[in-house]
Amino acid sequence: MSKFSVNIFYIISSILTLVLAAYSWTVFLPSFADTSAYPTLRTVMGIIVIVLLVAAGIQIYLAIKKEEEPS
Protein backbone atom coordinates (compact mmCIF):
# COMPACT_ATOMS: atom_id res chain seq x y z
CA MET A 1 0.00 0.00 0.00
CA SER A 2 1.40 3.40 -0.89
CA LYS A 3 1.35 6.45 1.33
CA PHE A 4 1.24 10.09 0.41
CA SER A 5 3.59 12.75 1.70
CA VAL A 6 3.04 16.48 1.61
CA ASN A 7 5.84 18.99 1.14
CA ILE A 8 4.90 21.99 3.28
CA PHE A 9 7.18 24.35 1.37
CA TYR A 10 5.26 23.78 -1.87
CA ILE A 11 1.98 24.35 -0.02
CA ILE A 12 3.22 27.64 1.44
CA SER A 13 4.55 28.70 -1.96
CA SER A 14 1.25 27.92 -3.67
CA ILE A 15 -0.72 29.85 -1.04
CA LEU A 16 1.53 32.87 -1.47
CA THR A 17 1.22 32.62 -5.26
CA LEU A 18 -2.58 32.63 -4.95
CA VAL A 19 -2.41 35.63 -2.60
CA LEU A 20 -0.26 37.48 -5.14
CA ALA A 21 -2.75 36.72 -7.92
CA ALA A 22 -5.68 37.89 -5.79
CA TYR A 23 -3.86 41.05 -4.69
CA SER A 24 -2.89 42.00 -8.22
CA TRP A 25 -6.44 41.60 -9.51
CA THR A 26 -8.34 43.13 -6.56
CA VAL A 27 -5.99 45.86 -5.26
CA PHE A 28 -3.38 46.73 -7.88
CA LEU A 29 -5.58 46.76 -10.98
CA PRO A 30 -8.42 48.94 -9.59
CA SER A 31 -5.91 51.66 -8.72
CA PHE A 32 -5.67 52.33 -12.49
CA ALA A 33 -9.44 52.39 -13.06
CA ASP A 34 -9.70 56.01 -14.23
CA THR A 35 -6.60 56.13 -16.41
CA SER A 36 -6.10 55.53 -20.10
CA ALA A 37 -3.74 52.63 -19.34
CA TYR A 38 -6.48 50.57 -17.69
CA PRO A 39 -7.55 48.43 -20.70
CA THR A 40 -3.98 47.47 -21.54
CA LEU A 41 -3.09 46.85 -17.91
CA ARG A 42 -6.22 44.74 -17.46
CA THR A 43 -5.16 42.51 -20.35
CA VAL A 44 -1.62 42.17 -19.03
CA MET A 45 -2.81 41.46 -15.49
CA GLY A 46 -5.22 38.86 -16.82
CA ILE A 47 -2.35 37.01 -18.49
CA ILE A 48 -0.18 37.32 -15.37
CA VAL A 49 -2.98 36.01 -13.12
CA ILE A 50 -3.54 33.03 -15.43
CA VAL A 51 0.18 32.22 -15.33
CA LEU A 52 0.20 32.55 -11.52
CA LEU A 53 -2.79 30.21 -11.24
CA VAL A 54 -1.05 27.63 -13.42
CA ALA A 55 2.09 27.97 -11.28
CA ALA A 56 0.05 27.47 -8.10
CA GLY A 57 -1.55 24.36 -9.61
CA ILE A 58 1.85 22.93 -10.48
CA GLN A 59 3.11 23.67 -6.97
CA ILE A 60 0.14 21.87 -5.42
CA TYR A 61 0.74 18.91 -7.74
CA LEU A 62 4.40 18.81 -6.69
CA ALA A 63 3.51 19.15 -3.00
CA ILE A 64 1.68 15.83 -2.92
CA LYS A 65 3.69 12.84 -3.96
CA LYS A 66 3.26 9.16 -3.49
CA GLU A 67 5.87 7.35 -1.42
CA GLU A 68 6.95 4.04 -2.90
CA GLU A 69 7.42 1.12 -0.55
CA PRO A 70 10.75 -0.69 -0.84
CA SER A 71 10.45 -4.17 -2.30
PDB file of N, CA and C in Angstrom:
ATOM      1  N   MET A   1       0.844  -1.173   0.000  1.00  0.00           N
ATOM      2  CA  MET A   1       0.000   0.000   0.000  1.00  0.00           C
ATOM      3  C   MET A   1       0.892   1.240   0.000  1.00  0.00           C
ATOM      4  N   SER A   2       0.572   2.202  -0.812  1.00  0.00           N
ATOM      5  CA  SER A   2       1.404   3.400  -0.892  1.00  0.00           C
ATOM      6  C   SER A   2       0.839   4.508  -0.008  1.00  0.00           C
ATOM      7  N   LYS A   3       1.732   5.323   0.490  1.00  0.00           N
ATOM      8  CA  LYS A   3       1.354   6.450   1.332  1.00  0.00           C
ATOM      9  C   LYS A   3       1.662   7.743   0.591  1.00  0.00           C
ATOM     10  N   PHE A   4       1.002   8.791   0.996  1.00  0.00           N
ATOM     11  CA  PHE A   4       1.237  10.094   0.405  1.00  0.00           C
ATOM     12  C   PHE A   4       2.008  10.963   1.390  1.00  0.00           C
ATOM     13  N   SER A   5       2.894  11.783   0.860  1.00  0.00           N
ATOM     14  CA  SER A   5       3.592  12.754   1.701  1.00  0.00           C
ATOM     15  C   SER A   5       3.328  14.146   1.135  1.00  0.00           C
ATOM     16  N   VAL A   6       3.323  15.106   2.006  1.00  0.00           N
ATOM     17  CA  VAL A   6       3.040  16.480   1.608  1.00  0.00           C
ATOM     18  C   VAL A   6       4.255  17.334   1.932  1.00  0.00           C
ATOM     19  N   ASN A   7       4.721  18.075   0.944  1.00  0.00           N
ATOM     20  CA  ASN A   7       5.838  18.989   1.144  1.00  0.00           C
ATOM     21  C   ASN A   7       5.275  20.359   1.529  1.00  0.00           C
ATOM     22  N   ILE A   8       5.496  20.757   2.756  1.00  0.00           N
ATOM     23  CA  ILE A   8       4.903  21.986   3.285  1.00  0.00           C
ATOM     24  C   ILE A   8       5.417  23.231   2.564  1.00  0.00           C
ATOM     25  N   PHE A   9       6.630  23.183   2.040  1.00  0.00           N
ATOM     26  CA  PHE A   9       7.185  24.348   1.366  1.00  0.00           C
ATOM     27  C   PHE A   9       6.452  24.637   0.052  1.00  0.00           C
ATOM     28  N   TYR A  10       6.054  23.589  -0.662  1.00  0.00           N
ATOM     29  CA  TYR A  10       5.255  23.782  -1.874  1.00  0.00           C
ATOM     30  C   TYR A  10       3.871  24.322  -1.529  1.00  0.00           C
ATOM     31  N   ILE A  11       3.295  23.864  -0.437  1.00  0.00           N
ATOM     32  CA  ILE A  11       1.982  24.349  -0.015  1.00  0.00           C
ATOM     33  C   ILE A  11       2.049  25.837   0.323  1.00  0.00           C
ATOM     34  N   ILE A  12       3.061  26.230   1.092  1.00  0.00           N
ATOM     35  CA  ILE A  12       3.225  27.642   1.442  1.00  0.00           C
ATOM     36  C   ILE A  12       3.458  28.476   0.191  1.00  0.00           C
ATOM     37  N   SER A  13       4.273  27.988  -0.714  1.00  0.00           N
ATOM     38  CA  SER A  13       4.547  28.699  -1.957  1.00  0.00           C
ATOM     39  C   SER A  13       3.285  28.856  -2.804  1.00  0.00           C
ATOM     40  N   SER A  14       2.470  27.814  -2.880  1.00  0.00           N
ATOM     41  CA  SER A  14       1.245  27.918  -3.671  1.00  0.00           C
ATOM     42  C   SER A  14       0.248  28.877  -3.037  1.00  0.00           C
ATOM     43  N   ILE A  15       0.170  28.896  -1.717  1.00  0.00           N
ATOM     44  CA  ILE A  15      -0.723  29.845  -1.042  1.00  0.00           C
ATOM     45  C   ILE A  15      -0.271  31.278  -1.302  1.00  0.00           C
ATOM     46  N   LEU A  16       1.024  31.527  -1.207  1.00  0.00           N
ATOM     47  CA  LEU A  16       1.535  32.873  -1.465  1.00  0.00           C
ATOM     48  C   LEU A  16       1.351  33.278  -2.930  1.00  0.00           C
ATOM     49  N   THR A  17       1.453  32.328  -3.844  1.00  0.00           N
ATOM     50  CA  THR A  17       1.215  32.618  -5.255  1.00  0.00           C
ATOM     51  C   THR A  17      -0.242  32.997  -5.481  1.00  0.00           C
ATOM     52  N   LEU A  18      -1.163  32.291  -4.833  1.00  0.00           N
ATOM     53  CA  LEU A  18      -2.581  32.631  -4.945  1.00  0.00           C
ATOM     54  C   LEU A  18      -2.890  33.986  -4.324  1.00  0.00           C
ATOM     55  N   VAL A  19      -2.223  34.315  -3.218  1.00  0.00           N
ATOM     56  CA  VAL A  19      -2.407  35.631  -2.598  1.00  0.00           C
ATOM     57  C   VAL A  19      -1.906  36.740  -3.532  1.00  0.00           C
ATOM     58  N   LEU A  20      -0.778  36.505  -4.191  1.00  0.00           N
ATOM     59  CA  LEU A  20      -0.255  37.480  -5.141  1.00  0.00           C
ATOM     60  C   LEU A  20      -1.211  37.682  -6.310  1.00  0.00           C
ATOM     61  N   ALA A  21      -1.789  36.608  -6.819  1.00  0.00           N
ATOM     62  CA  ALA A  21      -2.750  36.718  -7.919  1.00  0.00           C
ATOM     63  C   ALA A  21      -3.994  37.486  -7.477  1.00  0.00           C
ATOM     64  N   ALA A  22      -4.497  37.191  -6.297  1.00  0.00           N
ATOM     65  CA  ALA A  22      -5.684  37.892  -5.793  1.00  0.00           C
ATOM     66  C   ALA A  22      -5.390  39.357  -5.533  1.00  0.00           C
ATOM     67  N   TYR A  23      -4.238  39.655  -4.960  1.00  0.00           N
ATOM     68  CA  TYR A  23      -3.864  41.053  -4.693  1.00  0.00           C
ATOM     69  C   TYR A  23      -3.740  41.846  -5.990  1.00  0.00           C
ATOM     70  N   SER A  24      -3.103  41.254  -6.988  1.00  0.00           N
ATOM     71  CA  SER A  24      -2.889  42.001  -8.224  1.00  0.00           C
ATOM     72  C   SER A  24      -4.204  42.293  -8.934  1.00  0.00           C
ATOM     73  N   TRP A  25      -5.178  41.392  -8.814  1.00  0.00           N
ATOM     74  CA  TRP A  25      -6.443  41.597  -9.511  1.00  0.00           C
ATOM     75  C   TRP A  25      -7.397  42.485  -8.713  1.00  0.00           C
ATOM     76  N   THR A  26      -7.366  42.403  -7.371  1.00  0.00           N
ATOM     77  CA  THR A  26      -8.343  43.133  -6.563  1.00  0.00           C
ATOM     78  C   THR A  26      -7.840  44.451  -5.994  1.00  0.00           C
ATOM     79  N   VAL A  27      -6.527  44.629  -5.846  1.00  0.00           N
ATOM     80  CA  VAL A  27      -5.993  45.859  -5.257  1.00  0.00           C
ATOM     81  C   VAL A  27      -5.191  46.671  -6.274  1.00  0.00           C
ATOM     82  N   PHE A  28      -4.265  46.013  -6.959  1.00  0.00           N
ATOM     83  CA  PHE A  28      -3.379  46.728  -7.879  1.00  0.00           C
ATOM     84  C   PHE A  28      -4.119  47.236  -9.112  1.00  0.00           C
ATOM     85  N   LEU A  29      -4.893  46.387  -9.751  1.00  0.00           N
ATOM     86  CA  LEU A  29      -5.580  46.764 -10.980  1.00  0.00           C
ATOM     87  C   LEU A  29      -6.612  47.876 -10.783  1.00  0.00           C
ATOM     88  N   PRO A  30      -7.453  47.853  -9.754  1.00  0.00           N
ATOM     89  CA  PRO A  30      -8.420  48.936  -9.587  1.00  0.00           C
ATOM     90  C   PRO A  30      -7.797  50.314  -9.332  1.00  0.00           C
ATOM     91  N   SER A  31      -6.541  50.357  -8.942  1.00  0.00           N
ATOM     92  CA  SER A  31      -5.914  51.663  -8.725  1.00  0.00           C
ATOM     93  C   SER A  31      -5.692  52.405 -10.041  1.00  0.00           C
ATOM     94  N   PHE A  32      -5.814  51.714 -11.174  1.00  0.00           N
ATOM     95  CA  PHE A  32      -5.665  52.332 -12.487  1.00  0.00           C
ATOM     96  C   PHE A  32      -7.009  52.499 -13.194  1.00  0.00           C
ATOM     97  N   ALA A  33      -8.108  52.423 -12.469  1.00  0.00           N
ATOM     98  CA  ALA A  33      -9.441  52.388 -13.062  1.00  0.00           C
ATOM     99  C   ALA A  33      -9.773  53.624 -13.892  1.00  0.00           C
ATOM    100  N   ASP A  34      -9.325  54.777 -13.521  1.00  0.00           N
ATOM    101  CA  ASP A  34      -9.698  56.012 -14.225  1.00  0.00           C
ATOM    102  C   ASP A  34      -8.607  56.530 -15.148  1.00  0.00           C
ATOM    103  N   THR A  35      -7.685  55.687 -15.530  1.00  0.00           N
ATOM    104  CA  THR A  35      -6.605  56.129 -16.412  1.00  0.00           C
ATOM    105  C   THR A  35      -6.771  55.524 -17.799  1.00  0.00           C
ATOM    106  N   SER A  36      -6.028  56.059 -18.733  1.00  0.00           N
ATOM    107  CA  SER A  36      -6.098  55.534 -20.097  1.00  0.00           C
ATOM    108  C   SER A  36      -5.339  54.214 -20.248  1.00  0.00           C
ATOM    109  N   ALA A  37      -4.515  53.872 -19.287  1.00  0.00           N
ATOM    110  CA  ALA A  37      -3.739  52.634 -19.341  1.00  0.00           C
ATOM    111  C   ALA A  37      -4.520  51.431 -18.819  1.00  0.00           C
ATOM    112  N   TYR A  38      -5.719  51.654 -18.316  1.00  0.00           N
ATOM    113  CA  TYR A  38      -6.479  50.571 -17.687  1.00  0.00           C
ATOM    114  C   TYR A  38      -6.770  49.393 -18.617  1.00  0.00           C
ATOM    115  N   PRO A  39      -7.257  49.596 -19.843  1.00  0.00           N
ATOM    116  CA  PRO A  39      -7.547  48.426 -20.697  1.00  0.00           C
ATOM    117  C   PRO A  39      -6.319  47.569 -20.997  1.00  0.00           C
ATOM    118  N   THR A  40      -5.203  48.222 -21.275  1.00  0.00           N
ATOM    119  CA  THR A  40      -3.979  47.470 -21.538  1.00  0.00           C
ATOM    120  C   THR A  40      -3.500  46.755 -20.287  1.00  0.00           C
ATOM    121  N   LEU A  41      -3.528  47.441 -19.167  1.00  0.00           N
ATOM    122  CA  LEU A  41      -3.090  46.855 -17.910  1.00  0.00           C
ATOM    123  C   LEU A  41      -3.996  45.702 -17.491  1.00  0.00           C
ATOM    124  N   ARG A  42      -5.293  45.825 -17.781  1.00  0.00           N
ATOM    125  CA  ARG A  42      -6.221  44.739 -17.463  1.00  0.00           C
ATOM    126  C   ARG A  42      -5.894  43.482 -18.265  1.00  0.00           C
ATOM    127  N   THR A  43      -5.541  43.653 -19.518  1.00  0.00           N
ATOM    128  CA  THR A  43      -5.165  42.510 -20.346  1.00  0.00           C
ATOM    129  C   THR A  43      -3.878  41.867 -19.834  1.00  0.00           C
ATOM    130  N   VAL A  44      -2.901  42.689 -19.533  1.00  0.00           N
ATOM    131  CA  VAL A  44      -1.617  42.170 -19.034  1.00  0.00           C
ATOM    132  C   VAL A  44      -1.805  41.481 -17.688  1.00  0.00           C
ATOM    133  N   MET A  45      -2.579  42.078 -16.800  1.00  0.00           N
ATOM    134  CA  MET A  45      -2.809  41.464 -15.490  1.00  0.00           C
ATOM    135  C   MET A  45      -3.607  40.175 -15.619  1.00  0.00           C
ATOM    136  N   GLY A  46      -4.495  40.102 -16.589  1.00  0.00           N
ATOM    137  CA  GLY A  46      -5.223  38.857 -16.819  1.00  0.00           C
ATOM    138  C   GLY A  46      -4.285  37.731 -17.202  1.00  0.00           C
ATOM    139  N   ILE A  47      -3.334  38.017 -18.083  1.00  0.00           N
ATOM    140  CA  ILE A  47      -2.350  37.013 -18.487  1.00  0.00           C
ATOM    141  C   ILE A  47      -1.472  36.616 -17.306  1.00  0.00           C
ATOM    142  N   ILE A  48      -1.037  37.603 -16.534  1.00  0.00           N
ATOM    143  CA  ILE A  48      -0.184  37.319 -15.372  1.00  0.00           C
ATOM    144  C   ILE A  48      -0.932  36.477 -14.345  1.00  0.00           C
ATOM    145  N   VAL A  49      -2.191  36.781 -14.091  1.00  0.00           N
ATOM    146  CA  VAL A  49      -2.977  36.014 -13.121  1.00  0.00           C
ATOM    147  C   VAL A  49      -3.164  34.581 -13.607  1.00  0.00           C
ATOM    148  N   ILE A  50      -3.406  34.385 -14.900  1.00  0.00           N
ATOM    149  CA  ILE A  50      -3.543  33.030 -15.433  1.00  0.00           C
ATOM    150  C   ILE A  50      -2.250  32.245 -15.238  1.00  0.00           C
ATOM    151  N   VAL A  51      -1.115  32.888 -15.515  1.00  0.00           N
ATOM    152  CA  VAL A  51       0.183  32.220 -15.331  1.00  0.00           C
ATOM    153  C   VAL A  51       0.419  31.900 -13.851  1.00  0.00           C
ATOM    154  N   LEU A  52       0.043  32.808 -12.953  1.00  0.00           N
ATOM    155  CA  LEU A  52       0.202  32.552 -11.520  1.00  0.00           C
ATOM    156  C   LEU A  52      -0.694  31.401 -11.061  1.00  0.00           C
ATOM    157  N   LEU A  53      -1.902  31.307 -11.601  1.00  0.00           N
ATOM    158  CA  LEU A  53      -2.787  30.208 -11.235  1.00  0.00           C
ATOM    159  C   LEU A  53      -2.243  28.865 -11.726  1.00  0.00           C
ATOM    160  N   VAL A  54      -1.671  28.855 -12.914  1.00  0.00           N
ATOM    161  CA  VAL A  54      -1.045  27.630 -13.420  1.00  0.00           C
ATOM    162  C   VAL A  54       0.144  27.250 -12.533  1.00  0.00           C
ATOM    163  N   ALA A  55       0.941  28.238 -12.154  1.00  0.00           N
ATOM    164  CA  ALA A  55       2.091  27.972 -11.280  1.00  0.00           C
ATOM    165  C   ALA A  55       1.640  27.426  -9.927  1.00  0.00           C
ATOM    166  N   ALA A  56       0.560  27.973  -9.374  1.00  0.00           N
ATOM    167  CA  ALA A  56       0.049  27.466  -8.098  1.00  0.00           C
ATOM    168  C   ALA A  56      -0.454  26.036  -8.250  1.00  0.00           C
ATOM    169  N   GLY A  57      -1.092  25.737  -9.367  1.00  0.00           N
ATOM    170  CA  GLY A  57      -1.547  24.365  -9.607  1.00  0.00           C
ATOM    171  C   GLY A  57      -0.393  23.384  -9.692  1.00  0.00           C
ATOM    172  N   ILE A  58       0.666  23.789 -10.369  1.00  0.00           N
ATOM    173  CA  ILE A  58       1.851  22.926 -10.480  1.00  0.00           C
ATOM    174  C   ILE A  58       2.489  22.726  -9.105  1.00  0.00           C
ATOM    175  N   GLN A  59       2.533  23.782  -8.307  1.00  0.00           N
ATOM    176  CA  GLN A  59       3.111  23.666  -6.972  1.00  0.00           C
ATOM    177  C   GLN A  59       2.294  22.731  -6.086  1.00  0.00           C
ATOM    178  N   ILE A  60       0.987  22.777  -6.202  1.00  0.00           N
ATOM    179  CA  ILE A  60       0.141  21.870  -5.416  1.00  0.00           C
ATOM    180  C   ILE A  60       0.349  20.432  -5.887  1.00  0.00           C
ATOM    181  N   TYR A  61       0.472  20.243  -7.202  1.00  0.00           N
ATOM    182  CA  TYR A  61       0.742  18.906  -7.740  1.00  0.00           C
ATOM    183  C   TYR A  61       2.075  18.372  -7.219  1.00  0.00           C
ATOM    184  N   LEU A  62       3.088  19.237  -7.181  1.00  0.00           N
ATOM    185  CA  LEU A  62       4.399  18.811  -6.694  1.00  0.00           C
ATOM    186  C   LEU A  62       4.421  18.595  -5.185  1.00  0.00           C
ATOM    187  N   ALA A  63       3.524  19.252  -4.458  1.00  0.00           N
ATOM    188  CA  ALA A  63       3.511  19.147  -3.001  1.00  0.00           C
ATOM    189  C   ALA A  63       3.074  17.761  -2.542  1.00  0.00           C
ATOM    190  N   ILE A  64       2.218  17.126  -3.327  1.00  0.00           N
ATOM    191  CA  ILE A  64       1.675  15.830  -2.924  1.00  0.00           C
ATOM    192  C   ILE A  64       2.307  14.759  -3.799  1.00  0.00           C
ATOM    193  N   LYS A  65       3.104  13.920  -3.193  1.00  0.00           N
ATOM    194  CA  LYS A  65       3.687  12.842  -3.962  1.00  0.00           C
ATOM    195  C   LYS A  65       3.517  11.528  -3.234  1.00  0.00           C
ATOM    196  N   LYS A  66       3.475  10.491  -4.021  1.00  0.00           N
ATOM    197  CA  LYS A  66       3.262   9.161  -3.492  1.00  0.00           C
ATOM    198  C   LYS A  66       4.601   8.557  -3.087  1.00  0.00           C
ATOM    199  N   GLU A  67       4.664   8.008  -1.881  1.00  0.00           N
ATOM    200  CA  GLU A  67       5.874   7.347  -1.424  1.00  0.00           C
ATOM    201  C   GLU A  67       5.815   5.895  -1.847  1.00  0.00           C
ATOM    202  N   GLU A  68       6.866   5.430  -2.476  1.00  0.00           N
ATOM    203  CA  GLU A  68       6.951   4.038  -2.899  1.00  0.00           C
ATOM    204  C   GLU A  68       7.501   3.188  -1.756  1.00  0.00           C
ATOM    205  N   GLU A  69       6.919   2.032  -1.570  1.00  0.00           N
ATOM    206  CA  GLU A  69       7.424   1.122  -0.547  1.00  0.00           C
ATOM    207  C   GLU A  69       8.588   0.313  -1.125  1.00  0.00           C
ATOM    208  N   PRO A  70       9.634   0.131  -0.338  1.00  0.00           N
ATOM    209  CA  PRO A  70      10.752  -0.686  -0.842  1.00  0.00           C
ATOM    210  C   PRO A  70      10.314  -2.136  -1.006  1.00  0.00           C
ATOM    211  N   SER A  71      10.826  -2.781  -2.030  1.00  0.00           N
ATOM    212  CA  SER A  71      10.447  -4.175  -2.304  1.00  0.00           C
ATOM    213  C   SER A  71      11.292  -5.136  -1.496  1.00  0.00           C
TER     214      SER A  71
END
